[in-house]
């Protein structure tokens, strides 16, 4: 198949039911493809993380121009995303790590809160709006480390059970991958002002900041700002700002004797009811409950 826009067969779709048919309620599977040929565009009902073990080729996201990949590359195709391998070398081998977070146990919730994990693995296909799906090239020693973890997971295949073993390997792979993931040149080039906006929020979170203010500071349209900010942080700008404020509020609750109203004011919440609701949504308890359950006695706080 020639390079460029590949033929799209709408019937070509890897469904959730097909891939996880051996254990429908356990959405995790790794498969080693020793001879991966060229593939027409297809979509997924789950997230797929592709580790290129050997060979090289071209990867196509949606209808974009294909980009090259080789051993050591990791490609992430989001749930609902369409991609293809329009051209590959005869010796191409890949390891596919496929998962659906809604079918995995809540013990992984800590992993899901990591900014890099959310940005790369929990982002919807629709949010890319003209961007290629994430891809990075790992250093050989790091890639070998991940390969060592992935092979026993792939060897387990569709064998039922051993969930603790499989989840442990999955957590180790994802945590390590998130710690070393580097943004592509495309991501860096498209979002040069986002770190400046984040620094602005960190400095001025106590002030009233609106989305319009961030649009002016960045000289971006609202849609572009939302898309680029989400591509870097995994969340929209106002959600990120709210999390800064909530983190500050949690610190004040534990380390000061300020009233709840004072803490809300000093954290950038100008309406106390909204602060209560936001805090409960984030931490699962009210500000008072958070303070009483986690705060050290005053004598112990004085020692720390």
C-alpha atoms as a PDB file:
ATOM      1  CA  UNK A   1       0.000   0.000   0.000  1.00  0.00           C
ATOM      2  CA  UNK A   2       1.501   3.404  -0.933  1.00  0.00           C
ATOM      3  CA  UNK A   3       2.333   6.038   1.631  1.00  0.00           C
ATOM      4  CA  UNK A   4      -0.154   8.835   2.163  1.00  0.00           C
ATOM      5  CA  UNK A   5      -3.809   8.602   3.049  1.00  0.00           C
ATOM      6  CA  UNK A   6      -4.677   4.947   3.413  1.00  0.00           C
ATOM      7  CA  UNK A   7      -7.964   3.361   2.465  1.00  0.00           C
ATOM      8  CA  UNK A   8     -10.422   3.363   5.344  1.00  0.00           C
ATOM      9  CA  UNK A   9     -12.588   0.297   5.794  1.00  0.00           C
ATOM     10  CA  UNK A  10     -15.314   1.353   8.257  1.00  0.00           C
ATOM     11  CA  UNK A  11     -16.029  -2.279   9.074  1.00  0.00           C
ATOM     12  CA  UNK A  12     -12.490  -2.785  10.376  1.00  0.00           C
ATOM     13  CA  UNK A  13     -12.821  -2.293  14.112  1.00  0.00           C
ATOM     14  CA  UNK A  14     -11.281  -4.132  17.041  1.00  0.00           C
ATOM     15  CA  UNK A  15     -14.186  -4.330  19.441  1.00  0.00           C
ATOM     16  CA  UNK A  16     -14.014  -4.564  23.205  1.00  0.00           C
ATOM     17  CA  UNK A  17     -16.010  -7.787  23.156  1.00  0.00           C
ATOM     18  CA  UNK A  18     -13.709  -9.440  20.614  1.00  0.00           C
ATOM     19  CA  UNK A  19     -10.402  -8.556  22.244  1.00  0.00           C
ATOM     20  CA  UNK A  20     -11.423  -9.290  25.844  1.00  0.00           C
ATOM     21  CA  UNK A  21     -13.768 -12.187  25.127  1.00  0.00           C
ATOM     22  CA  UNK A  22     -11.945 -14.610  27.462  1.00  0.00           C
ATOM     23  CA  UNK A  23     -12.517 -12.264  30.441  1.00  0.00           C
ATOM     24  CA  UNK A  24     -15.085  -9.583  29.541  1.00  0.00           C
ATOM     25  CA  UNK A  25     -14.858  -7.924  32.963  1.00  0.00           C
ATOM     26  CA  UNK A  26     -11.050  -7.701  32.965  1.00  0.00           C
ATOM     27  CA  UNK A  27      -9.994  -5.209  30.301  1.00  0.00           C
ATOM     28  CA  UNK A  28      -6.259  -5.892  30.045  1.00  0.00           C
ATOM     29  CA  UNK A  29      -4.388  -7.892  27.413  1.00  0.00           C
ATOM     30  CA  UNK A  30      -0.904  -7.882  25.872  1.00  0.00           C
ATOM     31  CA  UNK A  31      -0.201  -9.560  22.525  1.00  0.00           C
ATOM     32  CA  UNK A  32       3.119 -10.093  20.771  1.00  0.00           C
ATOM     33  CA  UNK A  33       2.892  -9.844  16.976  1.00  0.00           C
ATOM     34  CA  UNK A  34       6.095 -11.401  15.610  1.00  0.00           C
ATOM     35  CA  UNK A  35       5.212 -10.502  12.021  1.00  0.00           C
ATOM     36  CA  UNK A  36       3.080  -7.394  11.860  1.00  0.00           C
ATOM     37  CA  UNK A  37       2.094  -6.570   8.293  1.00  0.00           C
ATOM     38  CA  UNK A  38       0.669  -3.391   6.824  1.00  0.00           C
ATOM     39  CA  UNK A  39      -2.856  -2.603   8.047  1.00  0.00           C
ATOM     40  CA  UNK A  40      -5.675  -0.494   6.673  1.00  0.00           C
ATOM     41  CA  UNK A  41      -7.168   2.140   8.980  1.00  0.00           C
ATOM     42  CA  UNK A  42      -9.110   0.656  11.859  1.00  0.00           C
ATOM     43  CA  UNK A  43     -10.395   1.826  15.225  1.00  0.00           C
ATOM     44  CA  UNK A  44     -10.531   0.452  18.747  1.00  0.00           C
ATOM     45  CA  UNK A  45     -13.028   0.168  21.559  1.00  0.00           C
ATOM     46  CA  UNK A  46     -10.149   0.507  24.037  1.00  0.00           C
ATOM     47  CA  UNK A  47      -6.765   2.198  24.433  1.00  0.00           C
ATOM     48  CA  UNK A  48      -3.850   0.546  22.646  1.00  0.00           C
ATOM     49  CA  UNK A  49      -0.176   1.123  23.453  1.00  0.00           C
ATOM     50  CA  UNK A  50       2.154  -0.193  20.734  1.00  0.00           C
ATOM     51  CA  UNK A  51       5.790  -1.052  21.552  1.00  0.00           C
ATOM     52  CA  UNK A  52       7.935  -1.493  18.426  1.00  0.00           C
ATOM     53  CA  UNK A  53      10.207  -4.461  19.146  1.00  0.00           C
ATOM     54  CA  UNK A  54      11.911  -4.882  15.764  1.00  0.00           C
ATOM     55  CA  UNK A  55      11.804  -3.375  12.279  1.00  0.00           C
ATOM     56  CA  UNK A  56      10.388  -0.079  11.106  1.00  0.00           C
ATOM     57  CA  UNK A  57       7.495   1.423   9.183  1.00  0.00           C
ATOM     58  CA  UNK A  58       5.036   4.285   8.843  1.00  0.00           C
ATOM     59  CA  UNK A  59       2.182   5.008  11.239  1.00  0.00           C
ATOM     60  CA  UNK A  60      -0.901   7.002  10.278  1.00  0.00           C
ATOM     61  CA  UNK A  61      -3.252   8.757  12.727  1.00  0.00           C
ATOM     62  CA  UNK A  62      -6.705   9.347  11.260  1.00  0.00           C
ATOM     63  CA  UNK A  63      -6.210  10.978   7.816  1.00  0.00           C
ATOM     64  CA  UNK A  64      -2.875  12.658   8.625  1.00  0.00           C
ATOM     65  CA  UNK A  65       0.327  12.100   6.738  1.00  0.00           C
ATOM     66  CA  UNK A  66       2.080   8.935   7.991  1.00  0.00           C
ATOM     67  CA  UNK A  67       5.104   9.341  10.282  1.00  0.00           C
ATOM     68  CA  UNK A  68       8.071   6.956  10.595  1.00  0.00           C
ATOM     69  CA  UNK A  69       8.715   4.645  13.532  1.00  0.00           C
ATOM     70  CA  UNK A  70      11.387   2.126  14.498  1.00  0.00           C
ATOM     71  CA  UNK A  71      12.495  -0.069  17.394  1.00  0.00           C
ATOM     72  CA  UNK A  72      12.165   1.747  20.686  1.00  0.00           C
ATOM     73  CA  UNK A  73       9.153   3.768  19.605  1.00  0.00           C
ATOM     74  CA  UNK A  74       5.943   3.682  21.641  1.00  0.00           C
ATOM     75  CA  UNK A  75       2.692   4.691  19.951  1.00  0.00           C
ATOM     76  CA  UNK A  76      -0.554   5.328  21.821  1.00  0.00           C
ATOM     77  CA  UNK A  77      -3.891   5.005  20.032  1.00  0.00           C
ATOM     78  CA  UNK A  78      -6.768   6.370  22.143  1.00  0.00           C
ATOM     79  CA  UNK A  79     -10.107   4.666  22.538  1.00  0.00           C
ATOM     80  CA  UNK A  80     -12.140   5.357  19.425  1.00  0.00           C
ATOM     81  CA  UNK A  81      -9.053   6.456  17.488  1.00  0.00           C
ATOM     82  CA  UNK A  82      -8.449   5.339  13.904  1.00  0.00           C
ATOM     83  CA  UNK A  83      -4.955   4.451  12.732  1.00  0.00           C
ATOM     84  CA  UNK A  84      -3.081   2.392  10.165  1.00  0.00           C
ATOM     85  CA  UNK A  85       0.294   0.937   9.183  1.00  0.00           C
ATOM     86  CA  UNK A  86       0.366   1.852   5.479  1.00  0.00           C
ATOM     87  CA  UNK A  87       3.974   0.683   5.044  1.00  0.00           C
ATOM     88  CA  UNK A  88       6.129  -1.627   7.176  1.00  0.00           C
ATOM     89  CA  UNK A  89       9.349  -3.609   6.911  1.00  0.00           C
ATOM     90  CA  UNK A  90       9.085  -7.410   6.498  1.00  0.00           C
ATOM     91  CA  UNK A  91      10.628  -7.978   9.942  1.00  0.00           C
ATOM     92  CA  UNK A  92       8.300  -5.664  11.895  1.00  0.00           C
ATOM     93  CA  UNK A  93       7.474  -7.028  15.365  1.00  0.00           C
ATOM     94  CA  UNK A  94       5.313  -5.176  17.842  1.00  0.00           C
ATOM     95  CA  UNK A  95       3.890  -5.758  21.284  1.00  0.00           C
ATOM     96  CA  UNK A  96       0.374  -4.439  21.771  1.00  0.00           C
ATOM     97  CA  UNK A  97      -0.753  -3.513  25.271  1.00  0.00           C
ATOM     98  CA  UNK A  98      -4.539  -3.100  25.190  1.00  0.00           C
ATOM     99  CA  UNK A  99      -6.683  -1.948  28.089  1.00  0.00           C
ATOM    100  CA  UNK A 100      -9.992  -0.352  29.007  1.00  0.00           C
ATOM    101  CA  UNK A 101      -9.893   1.520  32.323  1.00  0.00           C
ATOM    102  CA  UNK A 102     -13.605   1.070  33.016  1.00  0.00           C
ATOM    103  CA  UNK A 103     -12.995  -2.693  33.193  1.00  0.00           C
ATOM    104  CA  UNK A 104     -10.026  -2.588  35.531  1.00  0.00           C
ATOM    105  CA  UNK A 105     -10.218  -2.473  39.354  1.00  0.00           C
ATOM    106  CA  UNK A 106     -10.215   0.817  41.301  1.00  0.00           C
ATOM    107  CA  UNK A 107      -6.856  -0.122  42.851  1.00  0.00           C
ATOM    108  CA  UNK A 108      -5.329   1.570  39.814  1.00  0.00           C
ATOM    109  CA  UNK A 109      -6.928   4.919  40.656  1.00  0.00           C
ATOM    110  CA  UNK A 110      -3.588   6.369  41.810  1.00  0.00           C
ATOM    111  CA  UNK A 111      -2.123   5.701  38.374  1.00  0.00           C
ATOM    112  CA  UNK A 112      -5.104   7.332  36.684  1.00  0.00           C
ATOM    113  CA  UNK A 113      -4.502  10.595  38.562  1.00  0.00           C
ATOM    114  CA  UNK A 114      -0.946  11.035  37.240  1.00  0.00           C
ATOM    115  CA  UNK A 115      -0.894  14.024  34.843  1.00  0.00           C
ATOM    116  CA  UNK A 116       1.181  12.215  32.213  1.00  0.00           C
ATOM    117  CA  UNK A 117      -1.044   9.122  32.322  1.00  0.00           C
ATOM    118  CA  UNK A 118      -4.163  11.240  31.940  1.00  0.00           C
ATOM    119  CA  UNK A 119      -2.626  13.239  29.132  1.00  0.00           C
ATOM    120  CA  UNK A 120      -1.473  10.217  27.127  1.00  0.00           C
ATOM    121  CA  UNK A 121      -3.805   7.351  27.992  1.00  0.00           C
ATOM    122  CA  UNK A 122      -7.108   8.854  29.128  1.00  0.00           C
ATOM    123  CA  UNK A 123      -7.517  11.454  26.411  1.00  0.00           C
ATOM    124  CA  UNK A 124     -10.338  10.932  23.911  1.00  0.00           C
ATOM    125  CA  UNK A 125      -9.647  10.551  20.202  1.00  0.00           C
ATOM    126  CA  UNK A 126     -11.925  13.511  19.450  1.00  0.00           C
ATOM    127  CA  UNK A 127      -9.752  15.893  21.494  1.00  0.00           C
ATOM    128  CA  UNK A 128      -6.801  15.658  19.114  1.00  0.00           C
ATOM    129  CA  UNK A 129      -8.362  17.849  16.409  1.00  0.00           C
ATOM    130  CA  UNK A 130      -5.700  17.568  13.734  1.00  0.00           C
ATOM    131  CA  UNK A 131      -2.851  16.270  15.928  1.00  0.00           C
ATOM    132  CA  UNK A 132      -1.128  12.945  15.477  1.00  0.00           C
ATOM    133  CA  UNK A 133      -1.643  10.430  18.236  1.00  0.00           C
ATOM    134  CA  UNK A 134       1.143  10.348  20.868  1.00  0.00           C
ATOM    135  CA  UNK A 135       4.438   8.711  19.950  1.00  0.00           C
ATOM    136  CA  UNK A 136       7.848   8.805  21.611  1.00  0.00           C
ATOM    137  CA  UNK A 137      11.233   7.162  21.095  1.00  0.00           C
ATOM    138  CA  UNK A 138      12.725   5.688  24.272  1.00  0.00           C
ATOM    139  CA  UNK A 139      16.383   5.203  25.071  1.00  0.00           C
ATOM    140  CA  UNK A 140      17.473   1.627  24.414  1.00  0.00           C
ATOM    141  CA  UNK A 141      18.148   0.775  28.072  1.00  0.00           C
ATOM    142  CA  UNK A 142      14.714   2.039  29.121  1.00  0.00           C
ATOM    143  CA  UNK A 143      13.009   0.236  26.271  1.00  0.00           C
ATOM    144  CA  UNK A 144      14.726  -3.039  27.182  1.00  0.00           C
ATOM    145  CA  UNK A 145      13.534  -2.591  30.761  1.00  0.00           C
ATOM    146  CA  UNK A 146       9.937  -2.208  29.617  1.00  0.00           C
ATOM    147  CA  UNK A 147      10.298  -5.075  27.167  1.00  0.00           C
ATOM    148  CA  UNK A 148      11.383  -7.338  30.024  1.00  0.00           C
ATOM    149  CA  UNK A 149       8.208  -6.439  31.933  1.00  0.00           C
ATOM    150  CA  UNK A 150       5.934  -6.765  28.923  1.00  0.00           C
ATOM    151  CA  UNK A 151       7.005 -10.185  27.690  1.00  0.00           C
ATOM    152  CA  UNK A 152       5.597 -12.203  30.644  1.00  0.00           C
ATOM    153  CA  UNK A 153       2.404 -10.183  30.375  1.00  0.00           C
ATOM    154  CA  UNK A 154       2.152 -11.110  26.696  1.00  0.00           C
ATOM    155  CA  UNK A 155       3.000 -14.750  27.479  1.00  0.00           C
ATOM    156  CA  UNK A 156       0.059 -14.858  29.878  1.00  0.00           C
ATOM    157  CA  UNK A 157      -2.067 -14.029  26.846  1.00  0.00           C
ATOM    158  CA  UNK A 158      -5.770 -14.734  27.248  1.00  0.00           C
ATOM    159  CA  UNK A 159      -5.225 -17.144  30.124  1.00  0.00           C
ATOM    160  CA  UNK A 160      -7.873 -16.472  32.746  1.00  0.00           C
ATOM    161  CA  UNK A 161      -6.958 -15.403  36.260  1.00  0.00           C
ATOM    162  CA  UNK A 162      -3.594 -14.263  37.653  1.00  0.00           C
ATOM    163  CA  UNK A 163      -5.043 -10.759  37.855  1.00  0.00           C
ATOM    164  CA  UNK A 164      -2.644  -9.620  40.564  1.00  0.00           C
ATOM    165  CA  UNK A 165       0.334 -10.713  38.459  1.00  0.00           C
ATOM    166  CA  UNK A 166      -1.015  -9.019  35.324  1.00  0.00           C
ATOM    167  CA  UNK A 167      -1.998  -5.806  37.093  1.00  0.00           C
ATOM    168  CA  UNK A 168       1.388  -5.606  38.815  1.00  0.00           C
ATOM    169  CA  UNK A 169       3.195  -5.777  35.481  1.00  0.00           C
ATOM    170  CA  UNK A 170       0.764  -3.292  33.951  1.00  0.00           C
ATOM    171  CA  UNK A 171       1.307  -0.807  36.790  1.00  0.00           C
ATOM    172  CA  UNK A 172       5.078  -1.166  36.554  1.00  0.00           C
ATOM    173  CA  UNK A 173       5.056  -0.597  32.789  1.00  0.00           C
ATOM    174  CA  UNK A 174       2.707   2.379  32.885  1.00  0.00           C
ATOM    175  CA  UNK A 175       4.441   4.070  35.819  1.00  0.00           C
ATOM    176  CA  UNK A 176       7.855   3.711  34.195  1.00  0.00           C
ATOM    177  CA  UNK A 177       6.605   4.819  30.802  1.00  0.00           C
ATOM    178  CA  UNK A 178       4.946   7.921  32.252  1.00  0.00           C
ATOM    179  CA  UNK A 179       8.139   8.823  34.127  1.00  0.00           C
ATOM    180  CA  UNK A 180      10.241   8.844  30.947  1.00  0.00           C
ATOM    181  CA  UNK A 181       7.714  10.013  28.356  1.00  0.00           C
ATOM    182  CA  UNK A 182       8.969  13.006  26.418  1.00  0.00           C
ATOM    183  CA  UNK A 183       6.661  15.176  24.312  1.00  0.00           C
ATOM    184  CA  UNK A 184       7.120  14.987  20.565  1.00  0.00           C
ATOM    185  CA  UNK A 185       8.559  17.883  18.586  1.00  0.00           C
ATOM    186  CA  UNK A 186       5.041  18.469  17.267  1.00  0.00           C
ATOM    187  CA  UNK A 187       3.603  18.788  20.780  1.00  0.00           C
ATOM    188  CA  UNK A 188       6.404  21.104  21.921  1.00  0.00           C
ATOM    189  CA  UNK A 189       6.149  23.307  18.851  1.00  0.00           C
ATOM    190  CA  UNK A 190       2.368  23.604  19.108  1.00  0.00           C
ATOM    191  CA  UNK A 191       2.293  24.530  22.816  1.00  0.00           C
ATOM    192  CA  UNK A 192       5.191  26.898  23.598  1.00  0.00           C
ATOM    193  CA  UNK A 193       3.103  29.247  25.747  1.00  0.00           C
ATOM    194  CA  UNK A 194       1.450  26.679  28.003  1.00  0.00           C
ATOM    195  CA  UNK A 195       4.292  26.570  30.606  1.00  0.00           C
ATOM    196  CA  UNK A 196       4.030  30.377  30.859  1.00  0.00           C
ATOM    197  CA  UNK A 197       0.290  30.121  31.490  1.00  0.00           C
ATOM    198  CA  UNK A 198       0.831  27.464  34.152  1.00  0.00           C
ATOM    199  CA  UNK A 199       3.431  29.655  35.881  1.00  0.00           C
ATOM    200  CA  UNK A 200       0.979  32.577  35.737  1.00  0.00           C
ATOM    201  CA  UNK A 201      -1.715  30.476  37.400  1.00  0.00           C
ATOM    202  CA  UNK A 202       0.676  29.281  40.112  1.00  0.00           C
ATOM    203  CA  UNK A 203       1.588  32.897  40.943  1.00  0.00           C
ATOM    204  CA  UNK A 204      -1.879  34.428  40.754  1.00  0.00           C
ATOM    205  CA  UNK A 205      -4.345  31.706  41.780  1.00  0.00           C
ATOM    206  CA  UNK A 206      -5.635  33.903  44.630  1.00  0.00           C
ATOM    207  CA  UNK A 207      -6.816  36.477  42.091  1.00  0.00           C
ATOM    208  CA  UNK A 208      -9.905  36.279  39.918  1.00  0.00           C
ATOM    209  CA  UNK A 209      -8.777  34.601  36.692  1.00  0.00           C
ATOM    210  CA  UNK A 210     -11.136  33.946  33.814  1.00  0.00           C
ATOM    211  CA  UNK A 211     -10.706  32.011  30.615  1.00  0.00           C
ATOM    212  CA  UNK A 212     -10.788  35.299  28.716  1.00  0.00           C
ATOM    213  CA  UNK A 213      -7.696  36.423  30.665  1.00  0.00           C
ATOM    214  CA  UNK A 214      -5.788  33.314  29.593  1.00  0.00           C
ATOM    215  CA  UNK A 215      -6.866  33.807  25.980  1.00  0.00           C
ATOM    216  CA  UNK A 216      -5.407  37.324  26.001  1.00  0.00           C
ATOM    217  CA  UNK A 217      -2.186  36.254  27.717  1.00  0.00           C
ATOM    218  CA  UNK A 218      -1.598  33.457  25.237  1.00  0.00           C
ATOM    219  CA  UNK A 219      -2.919  35.281  22.145  1.00  0.00           C
ATOM    220  CA  UNK A 220      -4.857  32.112  21.292  1.00  0.00           C
ATOM    221  CA  UNK A 221      -8.471  31.595  20.406  1.00  0.00           C
ATOM    222  CA  UNK A 222     -10.546  29.794  23.032  1.00  0.00           C
ATOM    223  CA  UNK A 223     -10.667  26.526  21.071  1.00  0.00           C
ATOM    224  CA  UNK A 224      -6.909  26.555  20.386  1.00  0.00           C
ATOM    225  CA  UNK A 225      -6.107  27.367  24.023  1.00  0.00           C
ATOM    226  CA  UNK A 226      -8.343  24.576  25.292  1.00  0.00           C
ATOM    227  CA  UNK A 227      -6.876  22.047  22.859  1.00  0.00           C
ATOM    228  CA  UNK A 228      -3.213  22.916  23.446  1.00  0.00           C
ATOM    229  CA  UNK A 229      -3.551  23.211  27.221  1.00  0.00           C
ATOM    230  CA  UNK A 230      -5.277  19.835  27.397  1.00  0.00           C
ATOM    231  CA  UNK A 231      -2.589  18.270  25.177  1.00  0.00           C
ATOM    232  CA  UNK A 232       0.098  19.318  27.693  1.00  0.00           C
ATOM    233  CA  UNK A 233      -1.681  18.830  31.035  1.00  0.00           C
ATOM    234  CA  UNK A 234      -4.505  16.409  30.238  1.00  0.00           C
ATOM    235  CA  UNK A 235      -7.198  18.817  31.520  1.00  0.00           C
ATOM    236  CA  UNK A 236      -8.728  22.182  30.465  1.00  0.00           C
ATOM    237  CA  UNK A 237      -7.096  25.354  31.860  1.00  0.00           C
ATOM    238  CA  UNK A 238      -9.845  26.234  34.347  1.00  0.00           C
ATOM    239  CA  UNK A 239      -9.845  22.702  35.765  1.00  0.00           C
ATOM    240  CA  UNK A 240      -6.065  22.974  36.217  1.00  0.00           C
ATOM    241  CA  UNK A 241      -6.486  26.329  37.990  1.00  0.00           C
ATOM    242  CA  UNK A 242      -9.128  24.868  40.271  1.00  0.00           C
ATOM    243  CA  UNK A 243      -6.759  22.044  41.251  1.00  0.00           C
ATOM    244  CA  UNK A 244      -4.047  24.550  42.183  1.00  0.00           C
ATOM    245  CA  UNK A 245      -6.527  26.315  44.434  1.00  0.00           C
ATOM    246  CA  UNK A 246      -7.752  23.097  46.023  1.00  0.00           C
ATOM    247  CA  UNK A 247      -4.189  21.948  46.715  1.00  0.00           C
ATOM    248  CA  UNK A 248      -3.517  25.263  48.461  1.00  0.00           C
ATOM    249  CA  UNK A 249      -6.733  24.952  50.467  1.00  0.00           C
ATOM    250  CA  UNK A 250      -5.796  21.446  51.613  1.00  0.00           C
ATOM    251  CA  UNK A 251      -2.398  22.724  52.804  1.00  0.00           C
ATOM    252  CA  UNK A 252      -4.016  25.551  54.779  1.00  0.00           C
ATOM    253  CA  UNK A 253      -6.557  23.206  56.356  1.00  0.00           C
ATOM    254  CA  UNK A 254      -3.790  21.011  57.721  1.00  0.00           C
ATOM    255  CA  UNK A 255      -1.239  23.629  58.685  1.00  0.00           C
ATOM    256  CA  UNK A 256      -3.177  26.681  59.917  1.00  0.00           C
ATOM    257  CA  UNK A 257      -6.035  27.597  62.253  1.00  0.00           C
ATOM    258  CA  UNK A 258      -7.734  29.820  59.674  1.00  0.00           C
ATOM    259  CA  UNK A 259     -11.490  29.552  59.372  1.00  0.00           C
ATOM    260  CA  UNK A 260     -13.010  27.807  56.372  1.00  0.00           C
ATOM    261  CA  UNK A 261     -14.086  31.196  54.983  1.00  0.00           C
ATOM    262  CA  UNK A 262     -10.548  32.569  55.329  1.00  0.00           C
ATOM    263  CA  UNK A 263      -9.081  29.504  53.654  1.00  0.00           C
ATOM    264  CA  UNK A 264     -11.538  29.783  50.769  1.00  0.00           C
ATOM    265  CA  UNK A 265     -10.560  33.458  50.289  1.00  0.00           C
ATOM    266  CA  UNK A 266      -6.818  32.759  50.460  1.00  0.00           C
ATOM    267  CA  UNK A 267      -7.126  29.900  47.976  1.00  0.00           C
ATOM    268  CA  UNK A 268      -8.882  31.924  45.300  1.00  0.00           C
ATOM    269  CA  UNK A 269     -12.455  30.782  45.975  1.00  0.00           C
ATOM    270  CA  UNK A 270     -14.656  33.837  46.193  1.00  0.00           C
ATOM    271  CA  UNK A 271     -17.877  31.929  46.842  1.00  0.00           C
ATOM    272  CA  UNK A 272     -17.760  29.663  49.886  1.00  0.00           C
ATOM    273  CA  UNK A 273     -20.539  27.284  48.679  1.00  0.00           C
ATOM    274  CA  UNK A 274     -18.592  26.689  45.455  1.00  0.00           C
ATOM    275  CA  UNK A 275     -15.456  25.986  47.522  1.00  0.00           C
ATOM    276  CA  UNK A 276     -17.342  23.403  49.591  1.00  0.00           C
ATOM    277  CA  UNK A 277     -18.675  21.666  46.491  1.00  0.00           C
ATOM    278  CA  UNK A 278     -15.329  21.694  44.656  1.00  0.00           C
ATOM    279  CA  UNK A 279     -13.477  20.386  47.704  1.00  0.00           C
ATOM    280  CA  UNK A 280     -15.937  17.550  48.228  1.00  0.00           C
ATOM    281  CA  UNK A 281     -15.809  16.616  44.538  1.00  0.00           C
ATOM    282  CA  UNK A 282     -12.005  16.464  44.665  1.00  0.00           C
ATOM    283  CA  UNK A 283     -11.318  14.879  48.069  1.00  0.00           C
ATOM    284  CA  UNK A 284     -14.585  13.076  48.783  1.00  0.00           C
ATOM    285  CA  UNK A 285     -15.114  14.878  52.109  1.00  0.00           C
ATOM    286  CA  UNK A 286     -15.975  18.385  53.308  1.00  0.00           C
ATOM    287  CA  UNK A 287     -13.165  20.789  54.262  1.00  0.00           C
ATOM    288  CA  UNK A 288     -14.001  20.315  57.969  1.00  0.00           C
ATOM    289  CA  UNK A 289     -13.912  16.516  57.654  1.00  0.00           C
ATOM    290  CA  UNK A 290     -10.593  16.708  55.795  1.00  0.00           C
ATOM    291  CA  UNK A 291      -9.089  18.871  58.541  1.00  0.00           C
ATOM    292  CA  UNK A 292     -10.326  16.758  61.447  1.00  0.00           C
ATOM    293  CA  UNK A 293      -9.354  13.399  59.927  1.00  0.00           C
ATOM    294  CA  UNK A 294      -5.867  14.274  58.697  1.00  0.00           C
ATOM    295  CA  UNK A 295      -4.582  17.057  60.867  1.00  0.00           C
ATOM    296  CA  UNK A 296      -1.910  16.383  63.464  1.00  0.00           C
ATOM    297  CA  UNK A 297      -2.375  17.656  67.044  1.00  0.00           C
ATOM    298  CA  UNK A 298      -0.968  21.173  67.502  1.00  0.00           C
ATOM    299  CA  UNK A 299       1.962  19.903  69.589  1.00  0.00           C
ATOM    300  CA  UNK A 300       3.016  17.476  66.839  1.00  0.00           C
ATOM    301  CA  UNK A 301       2.558  20.112  64.132  1.00  0.00           C
ATOM    302  CA  UNK A 302       4.959  22.331  66.055  1.00  0.00           C
ATOM    303  CA  UNK A 303       7.625  19.669  65.873  1.00  0.00           C
ATOM    304  CA  UNK A 304       7.352  19.171  62.113  1.00  0.00           C
END
